[in-house]
């Protein structure tokens, strides 16, 4: 149970985004736009809850957790996801994968997208976390979004830095 708490802390460190339906005319118009590279920053609150363990493979117990986030800053919205964890016999070493979907606004553009996480924690506290936007998962005004996200934990508070590329929005007249 103690190691599972460490895995939960690692997993809580890493989640953030996606959901909504894109209008066909919006999708076509945005796909023709020029790409714009940007950075989004903000904070988030995360709730991680244990789900039943998965023990389908002999000798492999996979911990499962649900993720609920509330994001503020350049990303305003919520995120829901699920993670799978694997611990080891060495205290402080573990790994996880997760998928989450953010729904809301990214610098005023509404829509959703999905993030894929892969993280490891090595004894002594060394963390290695990769969070990447799932290709073609953006919806509505976020169609075409690509990028990576970093999670920062300082003084018990969570924040994010999202480096992303997004097509320029067409003029409102071309969306209608």
N, C-alpha and C. Protein backbone atom coordinates (compact mmCIF):
# COMPACT_ATOMS: atom_id res chain seq x y z
N UNK A 1 0.82 -1.19 0.00
CA UNK A 1 0.00 0.00 0.00
C UNK A 1 0.87 1.26 0.00
N UNK A 2 2.01 1.20 0.74
CA UNK A 2 2.89 2.38 0.79
C UNK A 2 3.45 2.68 -0.59
N UNK A 3 3.90 1.63 -1.30
CA UNK A 3 4.41 1.86 -2.65
C UNK A 3 3.31 2.35 -3.56
N UNK A 4 2.10 1.87 -3.39
CA UNK A 4 0.99 2.31 -4.23
C UNK A 4 0.75 3.80 -4.05
N UNK A 5 0.96 4.31 -2.83
CA UNK A 5 0.84 5.75 -2.59
C UNK A 5 1.87 6.52 -3.39
N UNK A 6 3.10 5.97 -3.51
CA UNK A 6 4.14 6.61 -4.32
C UNK A 6 3.77 6.62 -5.78
N UNK A 7 3.19 5.52 -6.24
CA UNK A 7 2.74 5.44 -7.63
C UNK A 7 1.63 6.45 -7.86
N UNK A 8 0.71 6.56 -6.90
CA UNK A 8 -0.39 7.53 -7.03
C UNK A 8 0.16 8.95 -7.12
N UNK A 9 1.19 9.25 -6.33
CA UNK A 9 1.79 10.59 -6.38
C UNK A 9 2.43 10.84 -7.74
N UNK A 10 3.14 9.84 -8.26
CA UNK A 10 3.73 9.97 -9.59
C UNK A 10 2.64 10.20 -10.62
N UNK A 11 1.60 9.43 -10.53
CA UNK A 11 0.54 9.50 -11.51
C UNK A 11 -0.22 10.82 -11.40
N UNK A 12 -0.43 11.26 -10.19
CA UNK A 12 -1.14 12.53 -10.01
C UNK A 12 -0.33 13.68 -10.57
N UNK A 13 0.99 13.49 -10.64
CA UNK A 13 1.86 14.52 -11.20
C UNK A 13 1.60 14.74 -12.67
N UNK A 14 1.08 13.72 -13.34
CA UNK A 14 1.10 13.82 -14.76
C UNK A 14 -0.16 13.87 -15.56
N UNK A 15 -1.23 14.58 -15.40
CA UNK A 15 -2.39 14.42 -16.27
C UNK A 15 -2.96 15.75 -16.71
N UNK A 16 -3.73 15.79 -17.83
CA UNK A 16 -4.35 17.09 -18.15
C UNK A 16 -5.41 17.26 -19.20
N UNK A 17 -5.94 16.60 -20.20
CA UNK A 17 -6.80 17.22 -21.22
C UNK A 17 -7.87 16.40 -22.02
N UNK A 18 -9.14 16.74 -22.84
CA UNK A 18 -10.02 16.57 -23.95
C UNK A 18 -11.46 16.12 -24.13
N UNK A 19 -12.53 16.74 -24.88
CA UNK A 19 -13.84 16.24 -25.39
C UNK A 19 -14.67 17.31 -26.11
N UNK A 20 -15.43 17.05 -27.17
CA UNK A 20 -16.38 17.89 -27.94
C UNK A 20 -16.45 17.43 -29.38
N UNK A 21 -17.48 17.80 -30.10
CA UNK A 21 -17.63 17.39 -31.50
C UNK A 21 -17.30 18.53 -32.44
N UNK A 22 -16.57 18.22 -33.51
CA UNK A 22 -16.17 19.24 -34.49
C UNK A 22 -17.22 19.33 -35.60
N UNK A 23 -17.50 20.56 -36.03
CA UNK A 23 -18.37 20.77 -37.19
C UNK A 23 -17.53 20.56 -38.44
N UNK A 24 -18.09 19.88 -39.44
CA UNK A 24 -17.34 19.55 -40.65
C UNK A 24 -16.77 20.78 -41.33
N UNK A 25 -17.55 21.86 -41.43
CA UNK A 25 -17.04 23.06 -42.10
C UNK A 25 -15.88 23.66 -41.33
N UNK A 26 -15.92 23.60 -40.01
CA UNK A 26 -14.82 24.11 -39.19
C UNK A 26 -13.57 23.28 -39.42
N UNK A 27 -13.72 21.95 -39.47
CA UNK A 27 -12.58 21.07 -39.66
C UNK A 27 -11.89 21.39 -40.98
N UNK A 28 -12.64 21.48 -42.07
CA UNK A 28 -12.03 21.76 -43.37
C UNK A 28 -11.32 23.11 -43.38
N UNK A 29 -11.95 24.12 -42.81
CA UNK A 29 -11.37 25.47 -42.82
C UNK A 29 -10.09 25.52 -42.00
N UNK A 30 -10.08 24.88 -40.85
CA UNK A 30 -8.91 24.93 -39.97
C UNK A 30 -7.75 24.15 -40.59
N UNK A 31 -8.02 23.04 -41.25
CA UNK A 31 -6.95 22.24 -41.83
C UNK A 31 -6.19 23.03 -42.90
N UNK A 32 -6.80 24.06 -43.48
CA UNK A 32 -6.12 24.86 -44.49
C UNK A 32 -5.30 25.99 -43.88
N UNK A 33 -5.44 26.25 -42.56
CA UNK A 33 -4.76 27.38 -41.91
C UNK A 33 -3.28 27.15 -41.72
N UNK A 34 -2.54 28.27 -41.54
CA UNK A 34 -1.10 28.20 -41.25
C UNK A 34 -0.91 27.72 -39.81
N UNK A 35 0.20 27.04 -39.55
CA UNK A 35 0.49 26.56 -38.20
C UNK A 35 1.06 27.67 -37.34
N UNK A 36 0.62 27.71 -36.09
CA UNK A 36 1.11 28.70 -35.12
C UNK A 36 1.62 27.94 -33.91
N UNK A 37 2.88 28.18 -33.52
CA UNK A 37 3.47 27.53 -32.35
C UNK A 37 3.32 28.45 -31.15
N UNK A 38 2.85 27.88 -30.03
CA UNK A 38 2.59 28.67 -28.83
C UNK A 38 2.93 27.88 -27.58
N UNK A 39 2.82 28.56 -26.45
CA UNK A 39 3.01 27.93 -25.15
C UNK A 39 1.89 28.36 -24.23
N UNK A 40 1.32 27.41 -23.51
CA UNK A 40 0.26 27.68 -22.54
C UNK A 40 0.77 27.29 -21.16
N UNK A 41 0.43 28.11 -20.17
CA UNK A 41 0.84 27.83 -18.79
C UNK A 41 -0.35 28.04 -17.86
N UNK A 42 -0.33 27.33 -16.75
CA UNK A 42 -1.38 27.50 -15.76
C UNK A 42 -1.22 26.49 -14.64
N UNK A 43 -2.28 26.36 -13.88
CA UNK A 43 -2.28 25.47 -12.72
C UNK A 43 -3.42 24.47 -12.87
N UNK A 44 -3.37 23.42 -12.06
CA UNK A 44 -4.47 22.47 -12.04
C UNK A 44 -4.56 21.78 -10.69
N UNK A 45 -5.78 21.37 -10.39
CA UNK A 45 -6.07 20.54 -9.22
C UNK A 45 -6.36 19.15 -9.76
N UNK A 46 -5.87 18.13 -9.10
CA UNK A 46 -6.09 16.77 -9.59
C UNK A 46 -6.59 15.89 -8.46
N UNK A 47 -7.56 15.02 -8.81
CA UNK A 47 -8.06 14.00 -7.90
C UNK A 47 -7.80 12.66 -8.56
N UNK A 48 -7.09 11.79 -7.84
CA UNK A 48 -6.77 10.46 -8.34
C UNK A 48 -7.44 9.47 -7.41
N UNK A 49 -8.25 8.58 -8.00
CA UNK A 49 -8.98 7.59 -7.18
C UNK A 49 -8.64 6.19 -7.66
N UNK A 50 -8.37 5.29 -6.71
CA UNK A 50 -8.07 3.90 -7.10
C UNK A 50 -9.28 3.23 -7.75
N UNK A 51 -9.03 2.41 -8.74
CA UNK A 51 -10.01 1.55 -9.37
C UNK A 51 -9.58 0.12 -9.08
N UNK A 52 -10.42 -0.87 -9.34
CA UNK A 52 -10.00 -2.26 -9.08
C UNK A 52 -8.74 -2.61 -9.88
N UNK A 53 -7.82 -3.32 -9.22
CA UNK A 53 -6.60 -3.77 -9.90
C UNK A 53 -6.94 -4.72 -11.03
N UNK A 54 -6.08 -4.77 -12.02
CA UNK A 54 -6.23 -5.67 -13.15
C UNK A 54 -5.16 -6.75 -13.02
N UNK A 55 -5.59 -8.01 -12.90
CA UNK A 55 -4.64 -9.11 -12.72
C UNK A 55 -4.90 -10.20 -13.76
N UNK A 56 -5.03 -9.80 -15.03
CA UNK A 56 -5.35 -10.75 -16.10
C UNK A 56 -4.15 -11.58 -16.53
N UNK A 57 -2.95 -11.07 -16.34
CA UNK A 57 -1.74 -11.78 -16.72
C UNK A 57 -1.09 -12.33 -15.45
N UNK A 58 -0.81 -13.63 -15.44
CA UNK A 58 -0.22 -14.26 -14.26
C UNK A 58 1.07 -13.55 -13.85
N UNK A 59 1.15 -13.17 -12.59
CA UNK A 59 2.35 -12.53 -12.07
C UNK A 59 2.43 -11.03 -12.30
N UNK A 60 1.45 -10.46 -12.98
CA UNK A 60 1.46 -9.02 -13.24
C UNK A 60 0.21 -8.39 -12.67
N UNK A 61 0.40 -7.59 -11.63
CA UNK A 61 -0.70 -6.83 -11.06
C UNK A 61 -0.57 -5.41 -11.53
N UNK A 62 -1.59 -4.95 -12.21
CA UNK A 62 -1.59 -3.59 -12.74
C UNK A 62 -2.57 -2.77 -11.91
N UNK A 63 -2.05 -1.73 -11.25
CA UNK A 63 -2.91 -0.82 -10.53
C UNK A 63 -3.63 0.09 -11.53
N UNK A 64 -4.84 0.47 -11.19
CA UNK A 64 -5.61 1.36 -12.07
C UNK A 64 -6.16 2.50 -11.24
N UNK A 65 -6.19 3.68 -11.85
CA UNK A 65 -6.70 4.87 -11.16
C UNK A 65 -7.45 5.76 -12.14
N UNK A 66 -8.48 6.42 -11.63
CA UNK A 66 -9.17 7.43 -12.44
C UNK A 66 -8.54 8.78 -12.13
N UNK A 67 -8.61 9.66 -13.11
CA UNK A 67 -8.01 10.99 -12.98
C UNK A 67 -9.08 12.03 -13.29
N UNK A 68 -9.23 13.00 -12.42
CA UNK A 68 -10.12 14.15 -12.65
C UNK A 68 -9.32 15.40 -12.39
N UNK A 69 -9.27 16.30 -13.38
CA UNK A 69 -8.52 17.56 -13.22
C UNK A 69 -9.42 18.75 -13.49
N UNK A 70 -9.07 19.82 -12.82
CA UNK A 70 -9.66 21.14 -13.07
C UNK A 70 -8.49 22.04 -13.43
N UNK A 71 -8.49 22.59 -14.66
CA UNK A 71 -7.37 23.40 -15.14
C UNK A 71 -7.72 24.87 -15.16
N UNK A 72 -6.74 25.71 -14.86
CA UNK A 72 -6.90 27.17 -14.89
C UNK A 72 -5.68 27.76 -15.58
N UNK A 73 -5.83 28.97 -16.05
CA UNK A 73 -4.74 29.65 -16.76
C UNK A 73 -5.04 29.69 -18.24
N UNK A 74 -4.03 29.41 -19.06
CA UNK A 74 -4.23 29.42 -20.51
C UNK A 74 -5.15 28.30 -20.98
N UNK A 75 -5.23 27.23 -20.20
CA UNK A 75 -6.21 26.16 -20.45
C UNK A 75 -7.25 26.27 -19.35
N UNK A 76 -8.49 26.48 -19.74
CA UNK A 76 -9.60 26.53 -18.78
C UNK A 76 -10.52 25.37 -19.10
N UNK A 77 -10.64 24.44 -18.17
CA UNK A 77 -11.52 23.32 -18.43
C UNK A 77 -11.30 22.17 -17.47
N UNK A 78 -11.77 21.02 -17.90
CA UNK A 78 -11.65 19.82 -17.09
C UNK A 78 -10.98 18.73 -17.90
N UNK A 79 -10.50 17.74 -17.18
CA UNK A 79 -9.86 16.60 -17.83
C UNK A 79 -10.25 15.35 -17.06
N UNK A 80 -10.52 14.30 -17.81
CA UNK A 80 -10.82 13.01 -17.21
C UNK A 80 -9.94 11.98 -17.90
N UNK A 81 -9.48 11.01 -17.12
CA UNK A 81 -8.63 9.99 -17.70
C UNK A 81 -8.52 8.77 -16.83
N UNK A 82 -7.71 7.85 -17.31
CA UNK A 82 -7.45 6.63 -16.56
C UNK A 82 -5.98 6.26 -16.73
N UNK A 83 -5.40 5.77 -15.64
CA UNK A 83 -4.00 5.36 -15.68
C UNK A 83 -3.84 3.93 -15.19
N UNK A 84 -2.79 3.33 -15.69
CA UNK A 84 -2.39 1.99 -15.24
C UNK A 84 -1.00 2.12 -14.65
N UNK A 85 -0.79 1.46 -13.50
CA UNK A 85 0.49 1.58 -12.81
C UNK A 85 1.14 0.21 -12.62
N UNK A 86 2.45 0.23 -12.53
CA UNK A 86 3.21 -0.98 -12.22
C UNK A 86 4.30 -0.60 -11.23
N UNK A 87 4.29 -1.28 -10.09
CA UNK A 87 5.36 -1.02 -9.13
C UNK A 87 6.37 -2.15 -9.20
N UNK A 88 7.43 -2.03 -8.43
CA UNK A 88 8.49 -3.04 -8.42
C UNK A 88 8.78 -3.43 -6.98
N UNK A 89 9.70 -4.35 -6.80
CA UNK A 89 10.09 -4.75 -5.45
C UNK A 89 11.03 -3.71 -4.81
N UNK A 90 11.48 -2.73 -5.58
CA UNK A 90 12.36 -1.68 -5.06
C UNK A 90 11.52 -0.47 -4.66
N UNK A 91 11.61 -0.10 -3.39
CA UNK A 91 10.86 1.04 -2.87
C UNK A 91 11.15 2.30 -3.69
N UNK A 92 10.11 2.97 -4.17
CA UNK A 92 10.28 4.22 -4.90
C UNK A 92 10.42 4.08 -6.40
N UNK A 93 10.43 2.85 -6.92
CA UNK A 93 10.52 2.65 -8.37
C UNK A 93 9.17 2.16 -8.88
N UNK A 94 8.68 2.78 -9.96
CA UNK A 94 7.37 2.43 -10.52
C UNK A 94 7.25 3.03 -11.91
N UNK A 95 6.18 2.66 -12.59
CA UNK A 95 5.91 3.22 -13.90
C UNK A 95 4.41 3.36 -14.11
N UNK A 96 4.04 4.18 -15.09
CA UNK A 96 2.62 4.32 -15.40
C UNK A 96 2.43 4.75 -16.85
N UNK A 97 1.25 4.45 -17.35
CA UNK A 97 0.77 4.99 -18.61
C UNK A 97 -0.63 5.51 -18.34
N UNK A 98 -1.03 6.52 -19.08
CA UNK A 98 -2.36 7.09 -18.89
C UNK A 98 -2.83 7.74 -20.18
N UNK A 99 -4.14 7.86 -20.28
CA UNK A 99 -4.77 8.61 -21.36
C UNK A 99 -5.77 9.53 -20.68
N UNK A 100 -5.77 10.79 -21.09
CA UNK A 100 -6.75 11.73 -20.55
C UNK A 100 -7.29 12.59 -21.66
N UNK A 101 -8.47 13.11 -21.43
CA UNK A 101 -9.12 13.97 -22.42
C UNK A 101 -9.48 15.28 -21.74
N UNK A 102 -8.99 16.38 -22.31
CA UNK A 102 -9.28 17.73 -21.80
C UNK A 102 -10.42 18.32 -22.62
N UNK A 103 -11.33 18.94 -21.91
CA UNK A 103 -12.44 19.63 -22.57
C UNK A 103 -12.50 21.05 -22.03
N UNK A 104 -12.53 22.03 -22.90
CA UNK A 104 -12.61 23.41 -22.44
C UNK A 104 -12.07 24.36 -23.47
N UNK A 105 -11.25 25.31 -23.00
CA UNK A 105 -10.68 26.33 -23.88
C UNK A 105 -9.16 26.39 -23.71
N UNK A 106 -8.49 26.52 -24.83
CA UNK A 106 -7.05 26.72 -24.87
C UNK A 106 -6.84 28.12 -25.44
N UNK A 107 -6.46 29.05 -24.58
CA UNK A 107 -6.30 30.46 -24.97
C UNK A 107 -7.51 30.95 -25.76
N UNK A 108 -8.70 30.64 -25.26
CA UNK A 108 -9.94 31.12 -25.84
C UNK A 108 -10.53 30.25 -26.94
N UNK A 109 -9.79 29.27 -27.43
CA UNK A 109 -10.30 28.38 -28.48
C UNK A 109 -10.90 27.15 -27.83
N UNK A 110 -12.16 26.89 -28.10
CA UNK A 110 -12.84 25.79 -27.42
C UNK A 110 -12.67 24.48 -28.20
N UNK A 111 -12.75 23.40 -27.45
CA UNK A 111 -12.64 22.08 -28.04
C UNK A 111 -12.09 21.10 -27.03
N UNK A 112 -11.52 20.06 -27.55
CA UNK A 112 -10.94 19.03 -26.70
C UNK A 112 -9.77 18.37 -27.42
N UNK A 113 -8.96 17.65 -26.66
CA UNK A 113 -7.91 16.81 -27.22
C UNK A 113 -7.49 15.81 -26.16
N UNK A 114 -6.78 14.78 -26.61
CA UNK A 114 -6.35 13.72 -25.71
C UNK A 114 -4.84 13.78 -25.53
N UNK A 115 -4.39 13.41 -24.33
CA UNK A 115 -2.97 13.31 -24.02
C UNK A 115 -2.63 11.88 -23.65
N UNK A 116 -1.47 11.43 -24.11
CA UNK A 116 -0.95 10.12 -23.77
C UNK A 116 0.24 10.34 -22.85
N UNK A 117 0.25 9.66 -21.70
CA UNK A 117 1.33 9.78 -20.70
C UNK A 117 2.15 8.50 -20.65
N UNK A 118 3.43 8.66 -20.40
CA UNK A 118 4.28 7.54 -20.04
C UNK A 118 5.27 8.07 -19.02
N UNK A 119 5.26 7.47 -17.84
CA UNK A 119 6.13 7.96 -16.79
C UNK A 119 6.80 6.86 -16.00
N UNK A 120 8.00 7.18 -15.52
CA UNK A 120 8.69 6.28 -14.62
C UNK A 120 9.20 7.07 -13.42
N UNK A 121 9.31 6.38 -12.31
CA UNK A 121 9.86 6.97 -11.10
C UNK A 121 10.93 5.99 -10.60
N UNK A 122 12.11 6.53 -10.35
CA UNK A 122 13.23 5.71 -9.91
C UNK A 122 13.50 6.04 -8.45
N UNK A 123 13.90 5.03 -7.68
CA UNK A 123 14.20 5.28 -6.26
C UNK A 123 15.06 6.54 -6.13
N UNK A 124 14.84 7.28 -5.11
CA UNK A 124 15.54 8.55 -4.94
C UNK A 124 14.75 9.72 -5.51
N UNK A 125 13.60 9.44 -6.13
CA UNK A 125 12.74 10.52 -6.59
C UNK A 125 12.93 10.97 -8.02
N UNK A 126 13.80 10.33 -8.80
CA UNK A 126 14.02 10.74 -10.18
C UNK A 126 12.78 10.40 -11.02
N UNK A 127 12.17 11.43 -11.63
CA UNK A 127 10.97 11.25 -12.45
C UNK A 127 11.31 11.45 -13.92
N UNK A 128 10.70 10.66 -14.77
CA UNK A 128 10.81 10.82 -16.20
C UNK A 128 9.39 10.72 -16.75
N UNK A 129 8.89 11.81 -17.30
CA UNK A 129 7.50 11.86 -17.74
C UNK A 129 7.41 12.44 -19.14
N UNK A 130 6.69 11.75 -20.02
CA UNK A 130 6.42 12.24 -21.37
C UNK A 130 4.92 12.32 -21.55
N UNK A 131 4.43 13.49 -21.96
CA UNK A 131 3.00 13.67 -22.25
C UNK A 131 2.89 14.27 -23.65
N UNK A 132 2.20 13.56 -24.52
CA UNK A 132 2.11 13.95 -25.92
C UNK A 132 0.65 13.97 -26.36
N UNK A 133 0.29 14.96 -27.18
CA UNK A 133 -1.07 15.00 -27.73
C UNK A 133 -1.24 13.82 -28.68
N UNK A 134 -2.35 13.10 -28.53
CA UNK A 134 -2.66 11.99 -29.42
C UNK A 134 -2.98 12.60 -30.80
N UNK A 135 -2.29 12.13 -31.85
CA UNK A 135 -2.52 12.70 -33.19
C UNK A 135 -3.99 12.67 -33.59
N UNK A 136 -4.45 13.76 -34.19
CA UNK A 136 -5.81 13.88 -34.72
C UNK A 136 -6.90 13.76 -33.67
N UNK A 137 -6.58 14.05 -32.41
CA UNK A 137 -7.59 13.96 -31.35
C UNK A 137 -8.26 15.30 -31.07
N UNK A 138 -7.78 16.39 -31.65
CA UNK A 138 -8.37 17.70 -31.41
C UNK A 138 -9.74 17.83 -32.06
N UNK A 139 -10.65 18.54 -31.38
CA UNK A 139 -12.00 18.76 -31.91
C UNK A 139 -12.31 20.25 -31.94
N UNK A 140 -13.37 20.59 -32.64
CA UNK A 140 -13.90 21.95 -32.74
C UNK A 140 -12.78 22.92 -33.14
N UNK A 141 -12.49 23.94 -32.36
CA UNK A 141 -11.46 24.92 -32.71
C UNK A 141 -10.05 24.44 -32.37
N UNK A 142 -9.92 23.21 -31.87
CA UNK A 142 -8.61 22.64 -31.56
C UNK A 142 -8.22 21.53 -32.52
N UNK A 143 -8.93 21.41 -33.65
CA UNK A 143 -8.57 20.43 -34.67
C UNK A 143 -7.15 20.74 -35.15
N UNK A 144 -6.31 19.72 -35.23
CA UNK A 144 -4.94 19.89 -35.72
C UNK A 144 -3.92 20.18 -34.63
N UNK A 145 -4.34 20.26 -33.37
CA UNK A 145 -3.39 20.55 -32.29
C UNK A 145 -2.39 19.40 -32.15
N UNK A 146 -1.12 19.75 -31.96
CA UNK A 146 -0.06 18.80 -31.64
C UNK A 146 0.75 19.42 -30.51
N UNK A 147 1.51 18.61 -29.79
CA UNK A 147 2.37 19.20 -28.77
C UNK A 147 2.70 18.26 -27.64
N UNK A 148 3.44 18.82 -26.67
CA UNK A 148 3.84 18.09 -25.48
C UNK A 148 3.56 18.94 -24.25
N UNK A 149 3.34 18.28 -23.14
CA UNK A 149 3.04 18.98 -21.90
C UNK A 149 4.01 18.55 -20.82
N UNK A 150 4.40 19.49 -20.00
CA UNK A 150 5.24 19.22 -18.82
C UNK A 150 4.42 19.56 -17.58
N UNK A 151 4.59 18.75 -16.55
CA UNK A 151 3.94 18.98 -15.26
C UNK A 151 5.01 19.45 -14.29
N UNK A 152 4.71 20.52 -13.56
CA UNK A 152 5.64 21.06 -12.57
C UNK A 152 4.95 20.98 -11.21
N UNK A 153 5.68 20.42 -10.22
CA UNK A 153 5.16 20.36 -8.86
C UNK A 153 6.12 21.13 -7.97
N UNK A 154 5.61 22.19 -7.36
CA UNK A 154 6.44 23.01 -6.45
C UNK A 154 5.59 23.38 -5.24
N UNK A 155 6.13 23.18 -4.07
CA UNK A 155 5.44 23.50 -2.83
C UNK A 155 4.06 22.85 -2.76
N UNK A 156 3.95 21.63 -3.28
CA UNK A 156 2.69 20.90 -3.21
C UNK A 156 1.64 21.34 -4.22
N UNK A 157 1.97 22.30 -5.10
CA UNK A 157 1.02 22.80 -6.09
C UNK A 157 1.42 22.28 -7.47
N UNK A 158 0.40 22.01 -8.30
CA UNK A 158 0.62 21.49 -9.65
C UNK A 158 0.43 22.59 -10.68
N UNK A 159 1.34 22.64 -11.63
CA UNK A 159 1.17 23.55 -12.77
C UNK A 159 1.61 22.81 -14.04
N UNK A 160 1.28 23.41 -15.18
CA UNK A 160 1.61 22.79 -16.46
C UNK A 160 2.26 23.80 -17.38
N UNK A 161 3.01 23.29 -18.33
CA UNK A 161 3.54 24.07 -19.45
C UNK A 161 3.26 23.24 -20.69
N UNK A 162 2.46 23.78 -21.60
CA UNK A 162 2.03 23.07 -22.79
C UNK A 162 2.61 23.76 -24.01
N UNK A 163 3.55 23.11 -24.68
CA UNK A 163 4.14 23.61 -25.92
C UNK A 163 3.38 22.95 -27.06
N UNK A 164 2.71 23.76 -27.88
CA UNK A 164 1.82 23.19 -28.88
C UNK A 164 1.86 23.97 -30.19
N UNK A 165 1.40 23.29 -31.22
CA UNK A 165 1.23 23.89 -32.54
C UNK A 165 -0.23 23.70 -32.92
N UNK A 166 -0.80 24.75 -33.49
CA UNK A 166 -2.21 24.75 -33.83
C UNK A 166 -2.41 25.56 -35.10
N UNK A 167 -3.24 25.09 -36.02
CA UNK A 167 -3.49 25.89 -37.23
C UNK A 167 -4.16 27.21 -36.86
N UNK A 168 -3.83 28.26 -37.61
CA UNK A 168 -4.51 29.55 -37.45
C UNK A 168 -6.00 29.34 -37.64
N UNK A 169 -6.78 30.04 -36.86
CA UNK A 169 -8.24 29.98 -37.05
C UNK A 169 -8.61 30.78 -38.28
N UNK A 170 -9.54 30.25 -39.08
CA UNK A 170 -10.03 31.05 -40.20
C UNK A 170 -10.91 32.18 -39.67
N UNK A 171 -11.21 33.13 -40.52
CA UNK A 171 -12.10 34.21 -40.11
C UNK A 171 -13.48 33.64 -39.81
N UNK A 172 -14.25 34.27 -38.92
CA UNK A 172 -15.58 33.77 -38.57
C UNK A 172 -16.48 33.55 -39.79
N UNK A 173 -16.34 34.38 -40.83
CA UNK A 173 -17.17 34.24 -42.02
C UNK A 173 -16.92 32.91 -42.72
N UNK A 174 -15.68 32.42 -42.73
CA UNK A 174 -15.38 31.19 -43.45
C UNK A 174 -15.82 29.94 -42.69
N UNK A 175 -16.11 30.09 -41.40
CA UNK A 175 -16.57 28.94 -40.60
C UNK A 175 -18.05 28.70 -40.85
N UNK A 176 -18.81 29.73 -41.04
CA UNK A 176 -20.27 29.62 -41.20
C UNK A 176 -20.65 28.90 -42.39
